[in-house]
Amino acid sequence: MQGPVHVIGASGRSGRALCMALHQDGIAFVPLVRDLGRWRATGLPGQARRIELTSTDGTLAAALRDARRIVSTAHARHVAAIVAAAPPGASLVCLGSTRMFTRWPDAHGRDVAQGQQALLSSGRNGVMLHPTMIYGAQGENNIQRLLGLIRRLPVLPLPSGGRALVQPIFQGDVARAIMAALAREWRGGHTLVIAGGQAVPYRVLATLVARHAGLRPRPVVNVPAPLLMGLSRLMPPLPGLPRVTPAEIRRLGEDKAFDIAPMRAALGFTPLTPDEGLGRFLTALRAETQPART
């Protein structure tokens, strides 16, 4: 299916990375954003259209009037509205989240599940991609917060000693997955988990972050999750330390590993491992933050 790609949420982290990849590949796109000034600040080409996903005034349908390929990097809670506003023949690629698979359902996960159901029950052609924790984008705060803890603490207190598995995905691979999904013809609605090339224990992830950031890895101390959760509720935020919520602490004890064979088969590529992706991301970050030599 030809025609420009209409990108909902183009000024966000994943949307911006996708638009950059589309531009580099010479693929036309139409940015759909809430804040036109924020889009202009990206420096990317494209005449943006302003939308408000929670509005019922018809502006979303008007912005999508000529769309044939739609990507939504907005929260999956908006999928129902996007499906309702999209032209009948348009195909959709939507971002969800593997949060919907957690053992401790929350509002975020339930919203993703509802968005998935909206796509699957709509009869539309398309796919919802469920990424694991995304890292490597400008302004991301997952690896950045872990890096902040490593810089400021002599040890890392982790539930179960940081043995739970994580499988984060590099932002560039998220964009690559969306591009591959756009190039494929989907019959009906589909879902697909997209994850990094290897699952590693969280303590190993912390070691990789430290090493690629040029820091000494911190010893991991096994602290029960209920104790850490209680401390996070009772203690005031400490200066210089990133805030970690009780819900985030609880999920640190949960394995978040996924089979990427379906991803490789459907999208035709193998994503970077955490070691490879963190090497690219943190090496570039160090180069940006180091003072220029004269």
Protein backbone atom coordinates (compact mmCIF):
# COMPACT_ATOMS: atom_id res chain seq x y z
CA MET A 1 0.00 0.00 0.00
CA GLN A 2 1.47 3.31 -1.11
CA GLY A 3 1.00 6.88 0.04
CA PRO A 4 2.48 8.87 2.92
CA VAL A 5 2.51 7.44 6.41
CA HIS A 6 0.34 9.33 8.88
CA VAL A 7 2.20 9.27 12.21
CA ILE A 8 0.10 9.94 15.32
CA GLY A 9 2.29 11.13 18.19
CA ALA A 10 5.08 12.19 15.86
CA SER A 11 6.73 14.51 18.39
CA GLY A 12 7.05 11.84 21.09
CA ARG A 13 10.11 9.62 21.54
CA SER A 14 9.00 6.69 19.40
CA GLY A 15 7.18 8.92 16.93
CA ARG A 16 10.20 11.15 16.46
CA ALA A 17 12.50 8.15 15.94
CA LEU A 18 10.09 6.71 13.38
CA CYS A 19 9.79 9.99 11.46
CA MET A 20 13.57 10.24 11.35
CA ALA A 21 13.78 6.69 9.94
CA LEU A 22 11.07 7.43 7.37
CA HIS A 23 12.86 10.62 6.32
CA GLN A 24 16.19 8.81 5.97
CA ASP A 25 14.52 6.20 3.76
CA GLY A 26 12.82 8.84 1.61
CA ILE A 27 9.31 7.83 2.69
CA ALA A 28 6.80 10.65 2.90
CA PHE A 29 4.97 11.11 6.17
CA VAL A 30 2.37 13.36 7.74
CA PRO A 31 3.02 14.21 11.41
CA LEU A 32 -0.10 14.35 13.60
CA VAL A 33 0.63 16.01 16.93
CA ARG A 34 -1.01 17.76 19.83
CA ASP A 35 1.62 20.50 20.11
CA LEU A 36 2.78 22.06 16.84
CA GLY A 37 5.60 23.93 18.56
CA ARG A 38 7.02 20.72 19.96
CA TRP A 39 7.00 19.21 16.48
CA ARG A 40 8.80 22.22 14.98
CA ALA A 41 11.45 21.87 17.68
CA THR A 42 12.39 18.42 16.32
CA GLY A 43 13.81 20.06 13.19
CA LEU A 44 12.30 17.31 11.02
CA PRO A 45 10.51 18.12 7.76
CA GLY A 46 6.80 17.67 7.31
CA GLN A 47 3.74 19.88 7.65
CA ALA A 48 2.19 18.77 10.92
CA ARG A 49 -1.53 18.55 11.54
CA ARG A 50 -2.81 19.31 15.00
CA ILE A 51 -5.03 16.68 16.63
CA GLU A 52 -6.58 16.05 20.02
CA LEU A 53 -7.17 12.35 20.56
CA THR A 54 -9.67 12.87 23.36
CA SER A 55 -11.83 15.28 21.35
CA THR A 56 -15.07 14.28 19.65
CA ASP A 57 -15.24 17.32 17.37
CA GLY A 58 -14.15 15.44 14.23
CA THR A 59 -10.67 16.96 13.97
CA LEU A 60 -9.01 13.53 14.13
CA ALA A 61 -11.12 12.20 11.26
CA ALA A 62 -10.35 15.37 9.29
CA ALA A 63 -6.61 14.94 9.89
CA LEU A 64 -6.81 11.32 8.72
CA ARG A 65 -9.10 12.02 5.77
CA ASP A 66 -6.52 11.00 3.14
CA ALA A 67 -4.66 8.37 5.19
CA ARG A 68 -3.90 4.95 3.79
CA ARG A 69 -1.18 3.92 6.24
CA ILE A 70 -1.50 5.02 9.87
CA VAL A 71 1.00 4.54 12.68
CA SER A 72 0.02 5.42 16.23
CA THR A 73 2.81 5.81 18.76
CA ALA A 74 0.32 7.38 21.18
CA HIS A 75 -0.92 5.45 24.21
CA ALA A 76 -2.93 2.38 23.25
CA ARG A 77 -5.94 3.74 25.14
CA HIS A 78 -6.59 5.89 22.04
CA VAL A 79 -6.77 3.02 19.54
CA ALA A 80 -10.58 2.84 19.59
CA ALA A 81 -10.83 6.53 18.70
CA ILE A 82 -8.23 6.13 15.96
CA VAL A 83 -10.02 3.12 14.47
CA ALA A 84 -13.30 5.04 14.47
CA ALA A 85 -11.73 8.09 12.76
CA ALA A 86 -9.59 6.27 10.17
CA PRO A 87 -10.79 5.87 6.57
CA PRO A 88 -12.27 2.41 5.92
CA GLY A 89 -9.41 1.19 3.72
CA ALA A 90 -6.52 2.41 5.88
CA SER A 91 -4.16 -0.05 7.53
CA LEU A 92 -2.92 0.55 11.06
CA VAL A 93 0.25 -0.10 13.04
CA CYS A 94 -0.21 0.72 16.73
CA LEU A 95 2.16 0.61 19.66
CA GLY A 96 0.97 -1.22 22.75
CA SER A 97 3.09 -2.47 25.64
CA THR A 98 4.05 -5.75 27.26
CA ARG A 99 2.77 -4.18 30.49
CA MET A 100 -0.53 -5.86 29.67
CA PHE A 101 1.10 -9.21 30.50
CA THR A 102 2.17 -8.29 34.04
CA ARG A 103 1.07 -10.41 36.98
CA TRP A 104 -0.06 -7.21 38.69
CA PRO A 105 -2.55 -5.53 36.33
CA ASP A 106 -2.68 -1.76 36.51
CA ALA A 107 -4.48 1.01 34.63
CA HIS A 108 -1.74 1.19 32.00
CA GLY A 109 -1.90 -2.53 31.26
CA ARG A 110 -5.69 -2.57 31.20
CA ASP A 111 -5.75 0.36 28.77
CA VAL A 112 -3.35 -1.49 26.47
CA ALA A 113 -5.54 -4.61 26.59
CA GLN A 114 -8.60 -2.53 25.70
CA GLY A 115 -6.72 -0.90 22.82
CA GLN A 116 -5.70 -4.31 21.52
CA GLN A 117 -9.29 -5.53 21.69
CA ALA A 118 -10.45 -2.42 19.83
CA LEU A 119 -8.10 -3.18 16.95
CA LEU A 120 -8.79 -6.93 16.83
CA SER A 121 -12.57 -6.51 16.94
CA SER A 122 -12.65 -3.72 14.36
CA GLY A 123 -12.06 -5.91 11.33
CA ARG A 124 -9.27 -3.54 10.25
CA ASN A 125 -6.04 -4.66 8.63
CA GLY A 126 -3.09 -3.97 10.88
CA VAL A 127 -1.05 -4.95 13.89
CA MET A 128 -0.44 -3.86 17.44
CA LEU A 129 3.23 -4.12 18.38
CA HIS A 130 3.86 -4.68 22.08
CA PRO A 131 7.38 -3.46 22.97
CA THR A 132 9.17 -4.32 26.17
CA MET A 133 10.98 -1.55 28.05
CA ILE A 134 12.29 0.87 25.41
CA TYR A 135 15.69 2.52 25.83
CA GLY A 136 18.02 4.58 23.72
CA ALA A 137 15.78 7.51 22.79
CA GLN A 138 16.40 11.16 23.49
CA GLY A 139 14.73 11.90 26.81
CA GLU A 140 14.06 8.30 27.86
CA ASN A 141 14.17 7.70 31.61
CA ASN A 142 14.44 3.94 32.06
CA ILE A 143 18.18 3.43 31.63
CA GLN A 144 18.82 7.03 32.68
CA ARG A 145 17.28 6.43 36.12
CA LEU A 146 19.23 3.21 36.57
CA LEU A 147 22.36 5.10 35.58
CA GLY A 148 21.51 7.76 38.18
CA LEU A 149 21.28 5.11 40.91
CA ILE A 150 24.59 3.55 39.86
CA ARG A 151 26.30 6.94 39.99
CA ARG A 152 25.01 7.82 43.47
CA LEU A 153 24.80 4.54 45.40
CA PRO A 154 27.69 2.31 46.57
CA VAL A 155 25.45 -0.77 46.20
CA LEU A 156 22.21 -1.54 44.34
CA PRO A 157 19.38 -2.86 46.54
CA LEU A 158 17.24 -5.12 44.33
CA PRO A 159 14.40 -7.58 45.00
CA SER A 160 15.52 -11.21 44.62
CA GLY A 161 19.06 -9.94 44.16
CA GLY A 162 18.20 -8.68 40.65
CA ARG A 163 17.75 -12.21 39.27
CA ALA A 164 14.46 -11.49 37.45
CA LEU A 165 14.82 -11.40 33.67
CA VAL A 166 14.38 -8.30 31.52
CA GLN A 167 14.53 -7.97 27.74
CA PRO A 168 14.62 -4.27 26.85
CA ILE A 169 14.43 -3.17 23.23
CA PHE A 170 16.56 -0.46 21.63
CA GLN A 171 14.62 2.53 20.29
CA GLY A 172 16.15 2.07 16.85
CA ASP A 173 14.77 -1.47 16.74
CA VAL A 174 11.30 -0.19 17.65
CA ALA A 175 11.44 2.13 14.65
CA ARG A 176 12.78 -0.71 12.53
CA ALA A 177 9.92 -2.96 13.65
CA ILE A 178 7.33 -0.32 12.75
CA MET A 179 8.94 0.18 9.34
CA ALA A 180 8.86 -3.57 8.71
CA ALA A 181 5.24 -3.75 9.84
CA LEU A 182 4.35 -0.94 7.41
CA ALA A 183 5.96 -2.86 4.55
CA ARG A 184 3.91 -5.98 5.26
CA GLU A 185 0.33 -6.55 4.10
CA TRP A 186 -1.76 -7.55 7.10
CA ARG A 187 -5.03 -9.41 6.66
CA GLY A 188 -7.24 -8.55 9.61
CA GLY A 189 -5.95 -7.55 13.02
CA HIS A 190 -2.81 -9.01 14.59
CA THR A 191 -0.63 -8.56 17.68
CA LEU A 192 3.10 -9.08 18.05
CA VAL A 193 5.56 -8.72 20.92
CA ILE A 194 8.75 -6.88 20.00
CA ALA A 195 11.65 -7.31 22.44
CA GLY A 196 15.43 -7.15 22.60
CA GLY A 197 17.63 -9.90 21.23
CA GLN A 198 18.40 -11.42 24.63
CA ALA A 199 16.80 -11.66 28.07
CA VAL A 200 19.22 -10.96 30.94
CA PRO A 201 18.88 -10.78 34.74
CA TYR A 202 18.34 -7.23 35.95
CA ARG A 203 21.64 -7.35 37.84
CA VAL A 204 23.40 -8.12 34.54
CA LEU A 205 21.58 -5.20 32.91
CA ALA A 206 22.88 -2.94 35.68
CA THR A 207 26.41 -4.21 35.10
CA LEU A 208 26.15 -3.55 31.37
CA VAL A 209 24.86 -0.02 32.00
CA ALA A 210 27.75 0.72 34.34
CA ARG A 211 30.38 -0.72 32.01
CA HIS A 212 29.16 1.09 28.89
CA ALA A 213 28.84 4.33 30.88
CA GLY A 214 32.46 4.04 31.99
CA LEU A 215 31.57 3.38 35.65
CA ARG A 216 32.47 0.70 38.14
CA PRO A 217 29.65 -1.86 38.44
CA ARG A 218 27.95 -1.73 41.84
CA PRO A 219 27.50 -4.80 44.03
CA VAL A 220 23.88 -5.97 44.23
CA VAL A 221 22.27 -6.43 47.62
CA ASN A 222 19.24 -8.70 47.94
CA VAL A 223 16.48 -6.73 49.67
CA PRO A 224 12.91 -8.11 49.90
CA ALA A 225 10.48 -6.26 47.65
CA PRO A 226 7.98 -5.50 50.48
CA LEU A 227 10.74 -3.76 52.45
CA LEU A 228 11.84 -1.66 49.47
CA MET A 229 8.24 -0.81 48.64
CA GLY A 230 7.61 0.30 52.22
CA LEU A 231 10.74 2.45 52.25
CA SER A 232 9.75 4.08 48.96
CA ARG A 233 6.40 5.05 50.50
CA LEU A 234 7.79 6.35 53.78
CA MET A 235 11.03 8.04 52.80
CA PRO A 236 10.96 11.49 51.24
CA PRO A 237 12.70 11.84 47.87
CA LEU A 238 16.44 12.07 48.38
CA PRO A 239 18.31 14.85 46.57
CA GLY A 240 19.99 13.58 43.43
CA LEU A 241 18.32 10.17 43.48
CA PRO A 242 15.68 9.23 40.91
CA ARG A 243 12.25 8.36 42.27
CA VAL A 244 11.22 4.69 42.06
CA THR A 245 7.58 3.88 42.82
CA PRO A 246 6.36 0.86 44.83
CA ALA A 247 4.69 -0.56 41.71
CA GLU A 248 8.00 -0.35 39.81
CA ILE A 249 9.81 -2.10 42.65
CA ARG A 250 7.25 -4.91 42.67
CA ARG A 251 7.67 -5.46 38.93
CA LEU A 252 11.46 -5.72 39.40
CA GLY A 253 10.84 -9.19 40.82
CA GLU A 254 8.86 -10.32 37.77
CA ASP A 255 10.44 -12.08 34.79
CA LYS A 256 9.82 -10.09 31.61
CA ALA A 257 11.28 -12.36 28.95
CA PHE A 258 9.62 -13.11 25.61
CA ASP A 259 10.09 -15.39 22.62
CA ILE A 260 11.22 -13.24 19.69
CA ALA A 261 10.94 -15.99 17.07
CA PRO A 262 7.50 -14.66 15.95
CA MET A 263 8.98 -11.16 15.70
CA ARG A 264 11.89 -12.37 13.56
CA ALA A 265 9.56 -14.37 11.31
CA ALA A 266 7.02 -11.57 10.81
CA LEU A 267 9.36 -8.59 10.58
CA GLY A 268 12.50 -10.15 9.13
CA PHE A 269 15.21 -8.97 11.51
CA THR A 270 16.90 -9.83 14.78
CA PRO A 271 16.96 -6.99 17.34
CA LEU A 272 20.06 -5.89 19.24
CA THR A 273 20.97 -7.56 22.51
CA PRO A 274 21.16 -5.34 25.61
CA ASP A 275 24.95 -5.42 25.40
CA GLU A 276 24.90 -4.24 21.77
CA GLY A 277 22.18 -1.63 22.22
CA LEU A 278 23.53 -0.18 25.45
CA GLY A 279 26.95 0.02 23.86
CA ARG A 280 25.56 2.19 21.08
CA PHE A 281 23.35 4.31 23.31
CA LEU A 282 25.71 4.99 26.21
CA THR A 283 28.79 5.47 24.03
CA ALA A 284 26.89 8.15 22.11
CA LEU A 285 25.60 9.65 25.36
CA ARG A 286 29.11 9.86 26.79
CA ALA A 287 30.33 11.56 23.61
CA GLU A 288 27.53 14.15 23.89
CA THR A 289 28.19 14.95 27.56
CA GLN A 290 31.99 15.05 27.51
CA PRO A 291 33.45 18.55 27.16
CA ALA A 292 34.86 19.33 23.75
CA ARG A 293 38.65 19.22 23.48
CA THR A 294 40.44 22.35 22.40
